[in-house]
C-alpha atoms as a PDB file:
ATOM      1  CA  MET A   1      -0.060   4.969 -25.344  1.00  0.00           C
ATOM      2  CA  TRP A   2      -1.921   2.249 -23.465  1.00  0.00           C
ATOM      3  CA  SER A   3       0.665  -0.363 -24.444  1.00  0.00           C
ATOM      4  CA  LYS A   4       3.363   1.676 -22.667  1.00  0.00           C
ATOM      5  CA  ILE A   5       1.752   1.420 -19.233  1.00  0.00           C
ATOM      6  CA  VAL A   6      -0.626  -1.565 -19.197  1.00  0.00           C
ATOM      7  CA  ASP A   7       1.933  -3.966 -17.716  1.00  0.00           C
ATOM      8  CA  LYS A   8       2.597  -1.673 -14.755  1.00  0.00           C
ATOM      9  CA  LEU A   9      -1.041  -0.784 -14.137  1.00  0.00           C
ATOM     10  CA  SER A  10      -2.315  -4.362 -14.376  1.00  0.00           C
ATOM     11  CA  GLY A  11      -0.159  -5.306 -11.400  1.00  0.00           C
ATOM     12  CA  ILE A  12      -1.739  -2.851  -8.933  1.00  0.00           C
ATOM     13  CA  PRO A  13      -5.304  -2.802  -7.530  1.00  0.00           C
ATOM     14  CA  TYR A  14      -6.138   0.751  -8.596  1.00  0.00           C
ATOM     15  CA  PHE A  15      -4.707   3.953 -10.011  1.00  0.00           C
ATOM     16  CA  GLY A  16      -5.707   7.539 -10.656  1.00  0.00           C
ATOM     17  CA  VAL A  17      -5.345  10.228 -13.294  1.00  0.00           C
ATOM     18  CA  SER A  18      -2.085  11.564 -11.880  1.00  0.00           C
ATOM     19  CA  SER A  19      -0.435   8.122 -12.060  1.00  0.00           C
ATOM     20  CA  VAL A  20      -1.222   7.827 -15.764  1.00  0.00           C
ATOM     21  CA  ALA A  21      -0.107  11.410 -16.395  1.00  0.00           C
ATOM     22  CA  GLN A  22       3.210  10.789 -14.681  1.00  0.00           C
ATOM     23  CA  MET A  23       3.855   7.519 -16.511  1.00  0.00           C
ATOM     24  CA  LEU A  24       3.157   9.059 -19.907  1.00  0.00           C
ATOM     25  CA  GLY A  25       4.685  12.476 -19.203  1.00  0.00           C
ATOM     26  CA  ILE A  26       1.469  14.335 -20.022  1.00  0.00           C
ATOM     27  CA  GLU A  27      -0.851  16.800 -18.277  1.00  0.00           C
ATOM     28  CA  ASN A  28      -3.554  15.525 -15.901  1.00  0.00           C
ATOM     29  CA  GLU A  29      -6.274  16.914 -18.151  1.00  0.00           C
ATOM     30  CA  THR A  30      -4.967  14.929 -21.122  1.00  0.00           C
ATOM     31  CA  ALA A  31      -4.620  11.802 -18.954  1.00  0.00           C
ATOM     32  CA  GLY A  32      -8.225  12.220 -17.811  1.00  0.00           C
ATOM     33  CA  GLN A  33      -9.396  12.372 -21.415  1.00  0.00           C
ATOM     34  CA  LEU A  34      -7.418   9.254 -22.247  1.00  0.00           C
ATOM     35  CA  LEU A  35      -8.885   7.377 -19.288  1.00  0.00           C
ATOM     36  CA  SER A  36     -12.428   8.315 -20.299  1.00  0.00           C
ATOM     37  CA  ARG A  37     -11.706   6.956 -23.769  1.00  0.00           C
ATOM     38  CA  TRP A  38     -10.171   3.771 -22.356  1.00  0.00           C
ATOM     39  CA  VAL A  39     -13.183   3.226 -20.095  1.00  0.00           C
ATOM     40  CA  ASN A  40     -15.486   3.521 -23.097  1.00  0.00           C
ATOM     41  CA  ASN A  41     -13.527   0.991 -25.149  1.00  0.00           C
ATOM     42  CA  GLY A  42     -13.077  -1.455 -22.266  1.00  0.00           C
ATOM     43  CA  LYS A  43      -9.359  -1.054 -21.674  1.00  0.00           C
ATOM     44  CA  VAL A  44      -9.977   0.349 -18.176  1.00  0.00           C
ATOM     45  CA  LEU A  45     -12.655  -0.162 -15.507  1.00  0.00           C
ATOM     46  CA  ARG A  46     -13.884   2.782 -13.438  1.00  0.00           C
ATOM     47  CA  VAL A  47     -14.056   1.926  -9.717  1.00  0.00           C
ATOM     48  CA  LYS A  48     -15.343   5.368  -8.779  1.00  0.00           C
ATOM     49  CA  ARG A  49     -14.801   8.903 -10.003  1.00  0.00           C
ATOM     50  CA  GLY A  50     -11.077   9.397 -10.587  1.00  0.00           C
ATOM     51  CA  VAL A  51     -10.148   5.837  -9.574  1.00  0.00           C
ATOM     52  CA  TYR A  52      -9.603   3.009 -12.069  1.00  0.00           C
ATOM     53  CA  MET A  53      -8.606  -0.656 -12.367  1.00  0.00           C
ATOM     54  CA  THR A  54      -7.439  -2.695 -15.321  1.00  0.00           C
ATOM     55  CA  PRO A  55      -9.629  -5.564 -16.603  1.00  0.00           C
ATOM     56  CA  GLU A  56      -6.539  -7.760 -16.305  1.00  0.00           C
ATOM     57  CA  TYR A  57      -6.285  -7.155 -12.563  1.00  0.00           C
ATOM     58  CA  TYR A  58     -10.042  -7.554 -12.153  1.00  0.00           C
ATOM     59  CA  ASP A  59     -10.195 -10.865 -14.037  1.00  0.00           C
ATOM     60  CA  ARG A  60      -7.156 -12.225 -12.220  1.00  0.00           C
ATOM     61  CA  HIS A  61      -8.653 -11.624  -8.767  1.00  0.00           C
ATOM     62  CA  LEU A  62     -12.395 -11.878  -9.468  1.00  0.00           C
ATOM     63  CA  ASN A  63     -12.774 -15.212  -7.675  1.00  0.00           C
ATOM     64  CA  ASP A  64     -10.596 -14.290  -4.702  1.00  0.00           C
ATOM     65  CA  TRP A  65     -12.548 -14.539  -1.442  1.00  0.00           C
ATOM     66  CA  ASP A  66     -11.683 -10.985  -0.331  1.00  0.00           C
ATOM     67  CA  PHE A  67     -11.832  -9.226  -3.696  1.00  0.00           C
ATOM     68  CA  SER A  68     -15.263  -7.636  -3.217  1.00  0.00           C
ATOM     69  CA  GLY A  69     -14.101  -6.307   0.120  1.00  0.00           C
ATOM     70  CA  LEU A  70     -11.019  -4.868  -1.546  1.00  0.00           C
ATOM     71  CA  ILE A  71     -13.149  -2.955  -4.060  1.00  0.00           C
ATOM     72  CA  SER A  72     -15.488  -1.750  -1.305  1.00  0.00           C
ATOM     73  CA  SER A  73     -12.509  -0.419   0.649  1.00  0.00           C
ATOM     74  CA  ILE A  74     -11.138   1.388  -2.398  1.00  0.00           C
ATOM     75  CA  ILE A  75     -14.511   3.057  -2.964  1.00  0.00           C
ATOM     76  CA  ASN A  76     -14.875   4.105   0.674  1.00  0.00           C
ATOM     77  CA  PRO A  77     -11.678   3.696   2.733  1.00  0.00           C
ATOM     78  CA  GLY A  78     -13.471   4.972   5.853  1.00  0.00           C
ATOM     79  CA  SER A  79     -15.886   2.034   5.995  1.00  0.00           C
ATOM     80  CA  TYR A  80     -15.953  -1.534   7.234  1.00  0.00           C
ATOM     81  CA  LEU A  81     -17.723  -4.541   5.733  1.00  0.00           C
ATOM     82  CA  SER A  82     -20.754  -5.615   7.722  1.00  0.00           C
ATOM     83  CA  LYS A  83     -24.439  -6.620   7.704  1.00  0.00           C
ATOM     84  CA  GLU A  84     -25.532  -9.153   5.082  1.00  0.00           C
ATOM     85  CA  TYR A  85     -22.136  -9.419   3.401  1.00  0.00           C
ATOM     86  CA  VAL A  86     -20.381 -10.591   6.578  1.00  0.00           C
ATOM     87  CA  LEU A  87     -23.323 -12.638   7.876  1.00  0.00           C
ATOM     88  CA  GLN A  88     -23.386 -14.582   4.631  1.00  0.00           C
ATOM     89  CA  LYS A  89     -19.660 -15.319   4.919  1.00  0.00           C
ATOM     90  CA  CYS A  90     -20.102 -16.711   8.441  1.00  0.00           C
ATOM     91  CA  GLY A  91     -23.173 -18.776   7.568  1.00  0.00           C
ATOM     92  CA  VAL A  92     -25.863 -16.725   9.331  1.00  0.00           C
ATOM     93  CA  MET A  93     -27.672 -15.560   6.196  1.00  0.00           C
ATOM     94  CA  THR A  94     -29.509 -18.448   4.548  1.00  0.00           C
ATOM     95  CA  GLU A  95     -30.362 -16.530   1.369  1.00  0.00           C
ATOM     96  CA  SER A  96     -27.973 -15.231  -1.280  1.00  0.00           C
ATOM     97  CA  VAL A  97     -26.744 -11.652  -0.895  1.00  0.00           C
ATOM     98  CA  MET A  98     -26.049  -9.784  -4.110  1.00  0.00           C
ATOM     99  CA  ALA A  99     -24.733  -6.442  -2.823  1.00  0.00           C
ATOM    100  CA  VAL A 100     -21.629  -5.755  -0.746  1.00  0.00           C
ATOM    101  CA  THR A 101     -22.752  -4.036   2.459  1.00  0.00           C
ATOM    102  CA  ALA A 102     -20.615  -1.766   4.605  1.00  0.00           C
ATOM    103  CA  VAL A 103     -20.935   0.770   7.407  1.00  0.00           C
ATOM    104  CA  THR A 104     -19.504   4.289   7.502  1.00  0.00           C
ATOM    105  CA  THR A 105     -19.761   7.527   9.448  1.00  0.00           C
ATOM    106  CA  LYS A 106     -20.244   9.308   6.134  1.00  0.00           C
ATOM    107  CA  ASN A 107     -23.575   9.657   4.348  1.00  0.00           C
ATOM    108  CA  THR A 108     -25.528   6.581   3.281  1.00  0.00           C
ATOM    109  CA  SER A 109     -24.770   5.886  -0.378  1.00  0.00           C
ATOM    110  CA  LYS A 110     -24.880   3.304  -3.140  1.00  0.00           C
ATOM    111  CA  VAL A 111     -22.295   2.682  -5.848  1.00  0.00           C
ATOM    112  CA  ALA A 112     -23.247   0.445  -8.756  1.00  0.00           C
ATOM    113  CA  SER A 113     -20.967  -0.509 -11.633  1.00  0.00           C
ATOM    114  CA  LYS A 114     -19.798  -3.485 -13.649  1.00  0.00           C
ATOM    115  CA  MET A 115     -17.960  -4.554 -10.506  1.00  0.00           C
ATOM    116  CA  GLY A 116     -21.203  -4.930  -8.537  1.00  0.00           C
ATOM    117  CA  SER A 117     -23.381  -3.036  -6.084  1.00  0.00           C
ATOM    118  CA  PHE A 118     -21.855  -1.532  -2.957  1.00  0.00           C
ATOM    119  CA  LEU A 119     -24.088  -0.168  -0.192  1.00  0.00           C
ATOM    120  CA  TYR A 120     -22.762   2.083   2.569  1.00  0.00           C
ATOM    121  CA  TYR A 121     -24.895   2.765   5.656  1.00  0.00           C
ATOM    122  CA  HIS A 122     -24.352   5.769   7.906  1.00  0.00           C
ATOM    123  CA  ILE A 123     -23.921   5.057  11.610  1.00  0.00           C
ATOM    124  CA  LYS A 124     -23.183   7.462  14.443  1.00  0.00           C
ATOM    125  CA  PRO A 125     -19.509   7.587  15.455  1.00  0.00           C
ATOM    126  CA  GLU A 126     -20.002   5.965  18.864  1.00  0.00           C
ATOM    127  CA  LEU A 127     -21.338   2.803  17.160  1.00  0.00           C
ATOM    128  CA  PHE A 128     -18.655   2.713  14.473  1.00  0.00           C
ATOM    129  CA  GLY A 129     -16.369  -0.149  15.407  1.00  0.00           C
ATOM    130  CA  GLY A 130     -16.257  -3.851  16.161  1.00  0.00           C
ATOM    131  CA  TYR A 131     -14.168  -4.788  13.144  1.00  0.00           C
ATOM    132  CA  GLY A 132     -10.864  -6.442  12.373  1.00  0.00           C
ATOM    133  CA  GLU A 133      -8.425  -5.295   9.733  1.00  0.00           C
ATOM    134  CA  LYS A 134      -6.294  -7.100   7.167  1.00  0.00           C
ATOM    135  CA  ILE A 135      -4.242  -6.163   4.133  1.00  0.00           C
ATOM    136  CA  VAL A 136      -5.547  -7.352   0.760  1.00  0.00           C
ATOM    137  CA  GLY A 137      -3.596  -6.411  -2.360  1.00  0.00           C
ATOM    138  CA  GLY A 138      -1.798  -3.762  -0.341  1.00  0.00           C
ATOM    139  CA  ILE A 139      -5.119  -2.205   0.731  1.00  0.00           C
ATOM    140  CA  SER A 140      -6.485  -2.101   4.294  1.00  0.00           C
ATOM    141  CA  VAL A 141      -9.806  -3.973   4.414  1.00  0.00           C
ATOM    142  CA  LYS A 142     -11.901  -3.678   7.583  1.00  0.00           C
ATOM    143  CA  GLU A 143     -14.525  -6.341   8.359  1.00  0.00           C
ATOM    144  CA  ALA A 144     -16.996  -6.551  11.239  1.00  0.00           C
ATOM    145  CA  SER A 145     -16.960  -9.432  13.691  1.00  0.00           C
ATOM    146  CA  PRO A 146     -19.986 -11.764  13.403  1.00  0.00           C
ATOM    147  CA  GLY A 147     -21.503 -10.209  16.536  1.00  0.00           C
ATOM    148  CA  LYS A 148     -21.126  -6.649  15.249  1.00  0.00           C
ATOM    149  CA  ALA A 149     -22.352  -7.627  11.780  1.00  0.00           C
ATOM    150  CA  LEU A 150     -25.525  -9.056  13.365  1.00  0.00           C
ATOM    151  CA  PHE A 151     -25.945  -5.895  15.431  1.00  0.00           C
ATOM    152  CA  ASP A 152     -25.557  -3.691  12.351  1.00  0.00           C
ATOM    153  CA  TYR A 153     -27.942  -5.848  10.318  1.00  0.00           C
ATOM    154  CA  LEU A 154     -30.750  -5.554  12.878  1.00  0.00           C
ATOM    155  CA  TYR A 155     -29.907  -1.961  13.824  1.00  0.00           C
ATOM    156  CA  PHE A 156     -30.561  -0.754  10.276  1.00  0.00           C
ATOM    157  CA  ARG A 157     -33.786  -2.707   9.822  1.00  0.00           C
ATOM    158  CA  PRO A 158     -37.145  -0.990  10.456  1.00  0.00           C
ATOM    159  CA  TYR A 159     -38.461  -1.518  13.983  1.00  0.00           C
ATOM    160  CA  GLY A 160     -40.627  -4.651  13.724  1.00  0.00           C
ATOM    161  CA  TRP A 161     -43.999  -4.071  15.306  1.00  0.00           C
ATOM    162  CA  ALA A 162     -44.040  -7.632  16.607  1.00  0.00           C
ATOM    163  CA  TYR A 163     -40.669  -7.789  18.430  1.00  0.00           C
ATOM    164  CA  GLY A 164     -42.493  -7.966  21.762  1.00  0.00           C
ATOM    165  CA  ASP A 165     -45.148 -10.413  20.561  1.00  0.00           C
ATOM    166  CA  LYS A 166     -44.491 -13.793  22.198  1.00  0.00           C
ATOM    167  CA  ASN A 167     -45.690 -15.546  19.063  1.00  0.00           C
ATOM    168  CA  TYR A 168     -43.385 -13.620  16.739  1.00  0.00           C
ATOM    169  CA  ASP A 169     -40.079 -15.242  15.790  1.00  0.00           C
ATOM    170  CA  LEU A 170     -37.603 -12.651  14.524  1.00  0.00           C
ATOM    171  CA  VAL A 171     -34.994 -15.234  13.543  1.00  0.00           C
ATOM    172  CA  GLU A 172     -37.477 -17.319  11.581  1.00  0.00           C
ATOM    173  CA  ASP A 173     -38.949 -14.256   9.883  1.00  0.00           C
ATOM    174  CA  LEU A 174     -35.515 -13.087   8.698  1.00  0.00           C
ATOM    175  CA  ARG A 175     -34.335 -16.658   8.017  1.00  0.00           C
ATOM    176  CA  LEU A 176     -31.213 -16.338  10.118  1.00  0.00           C
ATOM    177  CA  ASN A 177     -29.113 -19.304  11.199  1.00  0.00           C
ATOM    178  CA  LEU A 178     -28.186 -18.428  14.776  1.00  0.00           C
ATOM    179  CA  ASP A 179     -28.263 -21.890  16.355  1.00  0.00           C
ATOM    180  CA  ASP A 180     -24.489 -22.255  16.059  1.00  0.00           C
ATOM    181  CA  PHE A 181     -23.614 -18.615  16.789  1.00  0.00           C
ATOM    182  CA  GLU A 182     -20.592 -18.846  19.083  1.00  0.00           C
ATOM    183  CA  VAL A 183     -20.820 -17.650  22.682  1.00  0.00           C
ATOM    184  CA  LYS A 184     -18.134 -14.993  22.135  1.00  0.00           C
ATOM    185  CA  ASP A 185     -20.110 -13.620  19.184  1.00  0.00           C
ATOM    186  CA  ARG A 186     -23.329 -13.566  21.225  1.00  0.00           C
ATOM    187  CA  LEU A 187     -21.557 -11.614  23.961  1.00  0.00           C
ATOM    188  CA  ASP A 188     -20.129  -9.217  21.382  1.00  0.00           C
ATOM    189  CA  PHE A 189     -23.629  -8.697  19.950  1.00  0.00           C
ATOM    190  CA  ILE A 190     -25.045  -8.063  23.437  1.00  0.00           C
ATOM    191  CA  ASN A 191     -22.263  -5.613  24.315  1.00  0.00           C
ATOM    192  CA  TRP A 192     -23.062  -3.490  21.268  1.00  0.00           C
ATOM    193  CA  ILE A 193     -26.750  -3.517  22.185  1.00  0.00           C
ATOM    194  CA  THR A 194     -25.863  -2.274  25.671  1.00  0.00           C
ATOM    195  CA  LEU A 195     -23.688   0.461  24.189  1.00  0.00           C
ATOM    196  CA  SER A 196     -26.413   1.530  21.756  1.00  0.00           C
ATOM    197  CA  LYS A 197     -29.044   2.077  24.489  1.00  0.00           C
ATOM    198  CA  SER A 198     -31.599   1.214  21.807  1.00  0.00           C
ATOM    199  CA  LYS A 199     -34.993  -0.134  22.835  1.00  0.00           C
ATOM    200  CA  LYS A 200     -35.415  -1.667  19.393  1.00  0.00           C
ATOM    201  CA  MET A 201     -32.200  -3.623  19.763  1.00  0.00           C
ATOM    202  CA  SER A 202     -33.051  -4.671  23.338  1.00  0.00           C
ATOM    203  CA  ASP A 203     -36.390  -5.960  22.081  1.00  0.00           C
ATOM    204  CA  ALA A 204     -34.649  -7.805  19.243  1.00  0.00           C
ATOM    205  CA  LEU A 205     -32.283  -9.478  21.732  1.00  0.00           C
ATOM    206  CA  GLU A 206     -35.164 -10.502  23.960  1.00  0.00           C
ATOM    207  CA  ASN A 207     -36.970 -12.028  20.992  1.00  0.00           C
ATOM    208  CA  ILE A 208     -33.874 -13.985  19.924  1.00  0.00           C
ATOM    209  CA  ARG A 209     -33.331 -15.230  23.470  1.00  0.00           C
ATOM    210  CA  ARG A 210     -36.936 -16.284  23.767  1.00  0.00           C
ATOM    211  CA  LYS A 211     -36.947 -18.233  20.510  1.00  0.00           C
ATOM    212  CA  ILE A 212     -33.370 -19.448  19.963  1.00  0.00           C
ATOM    213  CA  TRP A 213     -30.765 -18.856  22.649  1.00  0.00           C
ATOM    214  CA  LEU A 214     -33.057 -19.467  25.670  1.00  0.00           C
ATOM    215  CA  SER A 215     -30.793 -17.629  28.057  1.00  0.00           C
END
């Protein structure tokens, strides 16, 4: 049965039980059983419950720059890429980031599979935003601006006891490269801090200004 549909399925980023059932002219329950069997023998990869991808599609796009973001968006369409994942892409993180990090208004969650680790952080609706959107493989992928990604990264960190200590250097402690952070991204970061009305974030900004931006 797999040979009848593999060519069609390997050309799309993901598919579900009903797609396989329709292609093969079988009941959804039978298609679900087939998919479980195909996952076990490596013919199919499970993205999340009820959603699958072929190894052919995965291997063909594995090294694409936006592929991890595509998978993250399939897992949780109501999220946007942010925090370490985006900061690494724009050169702010100086250490390797293994997980794909995203922000959502849904519950905080983690999805781990052969495709990697995907972390989703809950944020209140009024702070959900600051992202651009592009189409990757026919899927909408949302990604935070550098300024919003920095805001999210610090917003979700525990409140450092030393933020107000004149000798404490937040940027050095977290090994962030903010020397070349563009003015527009700094302003974006500051705007989100103002919107958040968070003392922690105001203290973080003051520390960064004192040690790096000097303004």
